[in-house]
């Protein structure tokens, strides 16, 4: 794989990851853009013990443009996009409308409410990961070699972003489908480098710590082993990975993908583990799309170890979940979920796993 780093017209970084070591990419962005600037800030919620990111400058971000105006397609003649080259394999760019960044126009650190609520600049970084130059494709349609390239790019960014000052957690994810809130149709994911450990990651690691203190064992490894023994919620298994619907699934469609070996993050995966992931994950995605006979909107979220804390506790894994509960029907987070955080499931996890196992066979 060949990695080429350059800068866009407004100073943001662009990184090409090419499968051909002889690939040559256009590195000059001919657009006339003002310098990139963010106004993000973070505020501390003392009730929930959580940090909240405020990014008011994102109100004007690009929203579902037509294919002819897609900013993630390659540049073509006079139509200049975020990608200067006429083609690419995998490209990562700094987000033009980031939730977190250098915060050059953010307020200085301060206390609100007589010190109850801390306030500071929203430092960090947000990147966009373009999986393919083909606007009409999807992750499920990528060849296995491209998935490996994407994984190598994810691993590269996990390490590089984790080395930045003030970054405490690197979150790699994909949002797919307007039902999820996607604002660009082009196949892409994102990476957030947070200046704090986000609430979900912290809660999961706190549970793992309590379990280890009580049993001297790893919670994630024991959950994986339990699902493998039970078998009825397993969707697929390969040499190095197992995909299953968790026993307490919150979402109508929810699949977790675990490596068989405890590693803290994507960069710690071996070459064979990365290659093996591609086959299993593509199979899971195709089953998800076949489940309701239409592309499934989903979030695919990688859980990694924090940059500086609990790396011995963490266990890299992927969580994929969808708001689709039936053809033409979505699950909305209503009073119990939104108001109290208590999820009410619409489908039994065992039934979801069985239907996913049968999905491709039913379609064929």
Protein backbone atom coordinates (compact mmCIF):
# COMPACT_ATOMS: atom_id res chain seq x y z
CA UNK A 1 0.00 0.00 0.00
CA UNK A 2 1.23 3.49 -0.89
CA UNK A 3 0.41 6.44 1.37
CA UNK A 4 0.57 9.97 -0.05
CA UNK A 5 -0.04 13.05 2.10
CA UNK A 6 -0.89 16.52 0.79
CA UNK A 7 -2.89 19.66 1.62
CA UNK A 8 -6.12 21.06 0.19
CA UNK A 9 -6.53 24.71 -0.79
CA UNK A 10 -7.74 25.73 2.69
CA UNK A 11 -4.92 23.94 4.52
CA UNK A 12 -6.75 20.74 5.45
CA UNK A 13 -4.87 17.48 5.10
CA UNK A 14 -5.68 14.86 2.44
CA UNK A 15 -4.19 11.36 2.49
CA UNK A 16 -4.31 8.84 -0.38
CA UNK A 17 -4.05 5.12 0.39
CA UNK A 18 -3.34 3.32 -2.89
CA UNK A 19 -3.23 -0.41 -3.53
CA UNK A 20 -0.76 0.14 -6.39
CA UNK A 21 2.64 1.24 -5.14
CA UNK A 22 3.21 3.01 -8.47
CA UNK A 23 0.03 5.12 -8.27
CA UNK A 24 0.47 8.84 -8.96
CA UNK A 25 -2.16 11.23 -7.61
CA UNK A 26 -2.93 14.85 -8.38
CA UNK A 27 -1.94 16.77 -5.26
CA UNK A 28 -2.81 20.36 -6.24
CA UNK A 29 -6.25 21.61 -5.16
CA UNK A 30 -7.19 24.36 -7.64
CA UNK A 31 -10.19 25.67 -5.69
CA UNK A 32 -10.25 29.10 -4.12
CA UNK A 33 -11.16 28.36 -0.50
CA UNK A 34 -10.89 30.47 2.64
CA UNK A 35 -8.65 29.07 5.42
CA UNK A 36 -10.30 26.31 7.43
CA UNK A 37 -11.64 27.45 10.81
CA UNK A 38 -13.72 25.88 13.55
CA UNK A 39 -15.61 27.28 16.52
CA UNK A 40 -16.17 24.11 18.52
CA UNK A 41 -16.34 24.08 22.29
CA UNK A 42 -16.95 21.43 24.92
CA UNK A 43 -19.08 21.84 28.01
CA UNK A 44 -19.29 19.56 31.00
CA UNK A 45 -22.70 18.21 32.09
CA UNK A 46 -22.44 17.72 35.89
CA UNK A 47 -25.68 15.67 36.03
CA UNK A 48 -24.56 12.96 33.64
CA UNK A 49 -20.80 13.42 34.19
CA UNK A 50 -20.33 13.81 30.43
CA UNK A 51 -18.76 16.23 28.00
CA UNK A 52 -20.97 17.74 25.28
CA UNK A 53 -19.56 19.12 22.01
CA UNK A 54 -21.07 22.34 20.66
CA UNK A 55 -20.26 23.07 17.00
CA UNK A 56 -22.55 25.83 15.76
CA UNK A 57 -20.51 26.38 12.58
CA UNK A 58 -21.79 23.03 11.23
CA UNK A 59 -25.29 24.39 10.56
CA UNK A 60 -24.27 25.32 7.03
CA UNK A 61 -22.64 22.01 6.06
CA UNK A 62 -23.43 20.29 2.76
CA UNK A 63 -26.72 18.37 2.90
CA UNK A 64 -27.59 15.54 0.46
CA UNK A 65 -26.34 17.15 -2.76
CA UNK A 66 -27.16 15.52 -6.13
CA UNK A 67 -24.60 13.06 -7.46
CA UNK A 68 -23.28 15.60 -9.95
CA UNK A 69 -22.32 17.89 -7.07
CA UNK A 70 -20.95 15.28 -4.65
CA UNK A 71 -17.88 16.69 -2.88
CA UNK A 72 -16.40 13.21 -2.32
CA UNK A 73 -16.36 12.14 -5.97
CA UNK A 74 -13.09 12.65 -7.85
CA UNK A 75 -12.48 15.96 -9.56
CA UNK A 76 -13.43 15.90 -13.23
CA UNK A 77 -12.46 18.70 -15.60
CA UNK A 78 -13.92 21.95 -14.39
CA UNK A 79 -15.87 20.24 -11.60
CA UNK A 80 -13.50 20.43 -8.65
CA UNK A 81 -14.27 18.42 -5.53
CA UNK A 82 -12.62 17.64 -2.21
CA UNK A 83 -10.50 15.06 -4.06
CA UNK A 84 -8.12 16.69 -6.61
CA UNK A 85 -7.36 13.39 -8.41
CA UNK A 86 -9.52 11.97 -11.21
CA UNK A 87 -9.71 8.61 -9.42
CA UNK A 88 -8.68 7.03 -6.11
CA UNK A 89 -8.75 3.87 -4.01
CA UNK A 90 -9.15 5.11 -0.43
CA UNK A 91 -8.84 8.75 0.58
CA UNK A 92 -8.97 10.39 4.01
CA UNK A 93 -9.52 14.13 4.34
CA UNK A 94 -9.97 16.47 7.25
CA UNK A 95 -13.66 17.26 7.55
CA UNK A 96 -14.55 20.64 6.06
CA UNK A 97 -17.24 21.07 8.75
CA UNK A 98 -15.67 19.34 11.75
CA UNK A 99 -17.29 18.83 15.14
CA UNK A 100 -13.82 19.00 16.68
CA UNK A 101 -10.68 20.74 15.48
CA UNK A 102 -8.11 23.38 16.18
CA UNK A 103 -10.90 25.56 17.61
CA UNK A 104 -9.20 28.75 16.38
CA UNK A 105 -12.28 30.83 17.07
CA UNK A 106 -13.55 29.08 20.20
CA UNK A 107 -13.99 30.71 23.61
CA UNK A 108 -11.17 30.34 26.13
CA UNK A 109 -11.52 27.87 29.01
CA UNK A 110 -13.94 29.08 31.66
CA UNK A 111 -16.39 27.96 34.33
CA UNK A 112 -20.16 28.35 34.06
CA UNK A 113 -22.80 28.10 36.78
CA UNK A 114 -20.36 29.02 39.54
CA UNK A 115 -17.98 26.24 38.54
CA UNK A 116 -20.54 23.45 38.05
CA UNK A 117 -20.09 23.46 34.29
CA UNK A 118 -16.59 23.65 32.79
CA UNK A 119 -16.18 25.08 29.30
CA UNK A 120 -13.28 24.93 26.86
CA UNK A 121 -12.24 24.73 23.21
CA UNK A 122 -13.34 21.66 21.26
CA UNK A 123 -9.89 20.45 20.32
CA UNK A 124 -9.41 17.22 18.43
CA UNK A 125 -9.87 16.24 14.82
CA UNK A 126 -12.56 14.91 12.47
CA UNK A 127 -11.73 13.06 9.27
CA UNK A 128 -13.77 11.66 6.38
CA UNK A 129 -12.84 8.23 5.00
CA UNK A 130 -13.83 7.70 1.35
CA UNK A 131 -13.99 3.94 0.68
CA UNK A 132 -14.19 4.14 -3.13
CA UNK A 133 -14.42 6.66 -5.95
CA UNK A 134 -17.62 4.92 -7.16
CA UNK A 135 -20.49 7.14 -5.98
CA UNK A 136 -23.12 4.43 -6.47
CA UNK A 137 -21.32 1.71 -4.53
CA UNK A 138 -21.43 0.76 -0.83
CA UNK A 139 -19.15 -0.90 1.72
CA UNK A 140 -20.98 -4.19 1.14
CA UNK A 141 -19.98 -4.06 -2.53
CA UNK A 142 -16.26 -3.48 -1.95
CA UNK A 143 -13.84 -6.23 -2.99
CA UNK A 144 -11.98 -7.90 -0.15
CA UNK A 145 -8.72 -6.22 -1.12
CA UNK A 146 -10.36 -2.81 -0.75
CA UNK A 147 -11.68 -3.69 2.71
CA UNK A 148 -8.11 -4.58 3.67
CA UNK A 149 -6.94 -1.19 2.36
CA UNK A 150 -9.66 0.55 4.39
CA UNK A 151 -8.61 -1.37 7.50
CA UNK A 152 -4.97 -0.40 6.98
CA UNK A 153 -6.04 3.23 6.61
CA UNK A 154 -8.14 3.00 9.80
CA UNK A 155 -5.18 1.53 11.67
CA UNK A 156 -2.85 4.22 10.36
CA UNK A 157 -5.17 7.00 11.50
CA UNK A 158 -5.81 5.36 14.87
CA UNK A 159 -2.11 5.55 15.68
CA UNK A 160 -1.43 8.97 14.15
CA UNK A 161 -4.45 10.70 15.67
CA UNK A 162 -3.77 9.08 19.03
CA UNK A 163 -0.36 10.75 19.03
CA UNK A 164 -1.87 14.25 18.76
CA UNK A 165 -1.90 16.50 21.81
CA UNK A 166 -5.12 16.39 23.87
CA UNK A 167 -6.59 13.36 22.02
CA UNK A 168 -7.91 10.74 24.43
CA UNK A 169 -10.03 8.49 22.17
CA UNK A 170 -10.10 7.67 18.44
CA UNK A 171 -13.53 6.63 17.18
CA UNK A 172 -13.81 5.01 13.73
CA UNK A 173 -17.33 4.64 12.34
CA UNK A 174 -19.61 4.55 9.31
CA UNK A 175 -23.09 6.05 9.08
CA UNK A 176 -25.06 4.65 6.15
CA UNK A 177 -28.43 5.84 4.88
CA UNK A 178 -30.44 9.06 5.27
CA UNK A 179 -32.57 7.32 7.92
CA UNK A 180 -29.48 7.37 10.14
CA UNK A 181 -28.75 11.02 9.38
CA UNK A 182 -26.20 10.74 6.57
CA UNK A 183 -25.79 14.03 4.70
CA UNK A 184 -23.67 12.70 1.80
CA UNK A 185 -24.63 9.64 -0.24
CA UNK A 186 -21.09 8.80 -1.35
CA UNK A 187 -19.75 5.65 0.40
CA UNK A 188 -17.75 7.01 3.30
CA UNK A 189 -17.11 6.79 7.02
CA UNK A 190 -15.65 9.11 9.59
CA UNK A 191 -13.05 9.24 12.35
CA UNK A 192 -13.41 11.42 15.46
CA UNK A 193 -10.41 12.11 17.67
CA UNK A 194 -12.00 13.22 20.96
CA UNK A 195 -10.30 15.28 23.68
CA UNK A 196 -12.08 13.02 26.20
CA UNK A 197 -13.17 9.40 26.50
CA UNK A 198 -16.79 9.41 25.21
CA UNK A 199 -19.58 8.28 27.56
CA UNK A 200 -20.38 4.92 25.92
CA UNK A 201 -16.75 3.82 25.83
CA UNK A 202 -16.22 4.89 29.44
CA UNK A 203 -19.34 3.06 30.63
CA UNK A 204 -18.34 -0.16 28.88
CA UNK A 205 -14.83 -0.02 30.30
CA UNK A 206 -16.16 0.69 33.79
CA UNK A 207 -18.26 -2.48 33.51
CA UNK A 208 -15.21 -4.44 32.36
CA UNK A 209 -13.19 -3.11 35.29
CA UNK A 210 -15.80 -4.14 37.83
CA UNK A 211 -16.04 -7.59 36.23
CA UNK A 212 -12.27 -8.03 36.35
CA UNK A 213 -12.15 -6.93 39.98
CA UNK A 214 -14.83 -9.48 40.81
CA UNK A 215 -13.67 -12.44 38.68
CA UNK A 216 -10.09 -11.69 37.51
CA UNK A 217 -11.36 -12.30 33.97
CA UNK A 218 -11.99 -10.20 30.88
CA UNK A 219 -15.65 -9.34 30.35
CA UNK A 220 -15.43 -9.05 26.55
CA UNK A 221 -13.64 -12.39 26.16
CA UNK A 222 -16.20 -14.12 28.36
CA UNK A 223 -19.12 -12.59 26.43
CA UNK A 224 -17.61 -13.79 23.16
CA UNK A 225 -17.01 -17.28 24.52
CA UNK A 226 -20.57 -17.42 25.87
CA UNK A 227 -22.07 -16.44 22.51
CA UNK A 228 -19.89 -19.00 20.72
CA UNK A 229 -21.05 -21.76 23.10
CA UNK A 230 -24.74 -20.77 22.85
CA UNK A 231 -24.58 -20.54 19.08
CA UNK A 232 -28.19 -19.46 18.50
CA UNK A 233 -27.27 -15.79 18.14
CA UNK A 234 -24.13 -16.34 16.04
CA UNK A 235 -24.53 -14.95 12.51
CA UNK A 236 -21.14 -15.98 11.16
CA UNK A 237 -17.73 -17.21 12.22
CA UNK A 238 -14.33 -17.30 10.52
CA UNK A 239 -10.82 -18.26 11.57
CA UNK A 240 -10.20 -15.02 13.46
CA UNK A 241 -13.63 -13.38 13.97
CA UNK A 242 -17.16 -14.11 15.21
CA UNK A 243 -20.27 -12.07 14.40
CA UNK A 244 -23.30 -12.37 16.68
CA UNK A 245 -26.47 -10.61 17.77
CA UNK A 246 -25.96 -9.72 21.46
CA UNK A 247 -28.28 -11.35 23.97
CA UNK A 248 -29.54 -7.94 25.16
CA UNK A 249 -29.71 -6.24 21.75
CA UNK A 250 -31.27 -2.78 21.87
CA UNK A 251 -31.83 -2.24 18.16
CA UNK A 252 -34.08 -4.15 15.73
CA UNK A 253 -30.96 -5.24 13.84
CA UNK A 254 -27.74 -5.33 15.86
CA UNK A 255 -24.60 -7.36 15.15
CA UNK A 256 -21.32 -7.31 17.07
CA UNK A 257 -18.11 -8.53 15.43
CA UNK A 258 -15.27 -9.64 17.73
CA UNK A 259 -11.75 -10.84 16.94
CA UNK A 260 -10.90 -14.10 18.68
CA UNK A 261 -7.83 -12.47 20.20
CA UNK A 262 -7.95 -9.56 22.63
CA UNK A 263 -6.29 -6.52 21.06
CA UNK A 264 -6.67 -2.87 22.11
CA UNK A 265 -7.16 -1.25 18.71
CA UNK A 266 -7.17 -1.62 14.93
CA UNK A 267 -3.45 -1.07 14.60
CA UNK A 268 -2.79 -4.13 16.78
CA UNK A 269 -4.48 -6.51 14.32
CA UNK A 270 -2.19 -8.78 12.32
CA UNK A 271 -2.27 -8.99 8.53
CA UNK A 272 -4.15 -12.34 8.55
CA UNK A 273 -6.71 -10.92 11.03
CA UNK A 274 -7.32 -7.92 8.76
CA UNK A 275 -7.69 -10.12 5.68
CA UNK A 276 -10.04 -12.50 7.49
CA UNK A 277 -12.25 -9.66 8.73
CA UNK A 278 -13.04 -8.61 5.16
CA UNK A 279 -14.70 -11.89 4.24
CA UNK A 280 -16.82 -12.18 7.37
CA UNK A 281 -17.87 -8.53 7.50
CA UNK A 282 -18.84 -8.37 3.83
CA UNK A 283 -20.98 -11.47 4.38
CA UNK A 284 -22.67 -9.83 7.39
CA UNK A 285 -23.38 -6.63 5.43
CA UNK A 286 -24.88 -8.54 2.51
CA UNK A 287 -27.10 -10.49 4.88
CA UNK A 288 -28.22 -7.21 6.45
CA UNK A 289 -29.14 -5.81 3.03
CA UNK A 290 -31.02 -8.99 2.15
CA UNK A 291 -32.94 -9.05 5.44
CA UNK A 292 -35.66 -6.63 4.34
CA UNK A 293 -34.95 -6.71 0.62
CA UNK A 294 -33.52 -3.18 0.61
CA UNK A 295 -30.26 -1.48 1.67
CA UNK A 296 -30.13 -1.41 5.45
CA UNK A 297 -29.42 1.95 7.10
CA UNK A 298 -26.89 1.39 9.86
CA UNK A 299 -24.16 2.71 12.11
CA UNK A 300 -20.99 0.61 12.28
CA UNK A 301 -18.94 1.69 15.31
CA UNK A 302 -15.49 0.45 16.28
CA UNK A 303 -14.84 0.23 20.03
CA UNK A 304 -11.14 0.76 20.64
CA UNK A 305 -9.02 1.32 23.72
CA UNK A 306 -8.59 4.89 24.92
CA UNK A 307 -5.27 6.45 23.98
CA UNK A 308 -3.88 6.65 27.51
CA UNK A 309 -6.13 4.68 29.89
CA UNK A 310 -7.54 1.15 30.30
CA UNK A 311 -5.70 -0.33 27.36
CA UNK A 312 -5.32 -3.61 29.24
CA UNK A 313 -9.10 -3.76 29.81
CA UNK A 314 -10.26 -2.89 26.30
CA UNK A 315 -11.11 -5.45 23.62
CA UNK A 316 -11.43 -4.16 20.06
CA UNK A 317 -14.81 -4.94 18.50
CA UNK A 318 -17.31 -3.59 16.00
CA UNK A 319 -20.95 -2.84 16.75
CA UNK A 320 -23.36 -2.51 13.82
CA UNK A 321 -26.95 -1.45 14.46
CA UNK A 322 -29.93 -0.23 12.49
CA UNK A 323 -33.16 1.68 13.10
CA UNK A 324 -34.94 -0.41 10.42
CA UNK A 325 -37.41 -2.79 12.09
CA UNK A 326 -39.43 -3.87 9.03
CA UNK A 327 -39.75 -2.91 5.35
CA UNK A 328 -40.84 0.74 5.32
CA UNK A 329 -40.80 0.98 9.13
CA UNK A 330 -38.23 2.56 11.45
CA UNK A 331 -37.70 2.34 15.18
CA UNK A 332 -37.89 5.80 16.71
CA UNK A 333 -36.35 6.55 20.07
CA UNK A 334 -39.48 7.56 21.95
CA UNK A 335 -40.13 8.41 25.60
CA UNK A 336 -38.49 5.45 27.32
CA UNK A 337 -35.37 5.43 25.14
CA UNK A 338 -34.89 9.19 24.75
CA UNK A 339 -36.14 10.29 28.15
CA UNK A 340 -34.75 7.53 30.37
CA UNK A 341 -32.25 5.67 28.19
CA UNK A 342 -34.20 2.43 28.73
CA UNK A 343 -34.47 0.61 25.41
CA UNK A 344 -37.48 -1.51 24.47
CA UNK A 345 -36.63 -4.07 21.80
CA UNK A 346 -38.96 -4.85 18.93
CA UNK A 347 -37.39 -8.18 17.93
CA UNK A 348 -35.94 -11.11 19.86
CA UNK A 349 -32.16 -11.33 19.32
CA UNK A 350 -32.42 -15.06 18.59
CA UNK A 351 -35.00 -14.37 15.83
CA UNK A 352 -32.86 -11.62 14.32
CA UNK A 353 -29.81 -13.90 14.22
CA UNK A 354 -31.81 -16.73 12.62
CA UNK A 355 -33.26 -14.40 9.99
CA UNK A 356 -29.79 -13.03 9.18
CA UNK A 357 -28.39 -16.57 8.84
CA UNK A 358 -31.23 -17.40 6.45
CA UNK A 359 -31.32 -14.06 4.61
CA UNK A 360 -29.08 -14.83 1.66
CA UNK A 361 -30.52 -18.31 1.23
CA UNK A 362 -34.07 -16.89 1.14
CA UNK A 363 -33.07 -14.24 -1.41
CA UNK A 364 -31.42 -16.81 -3.69
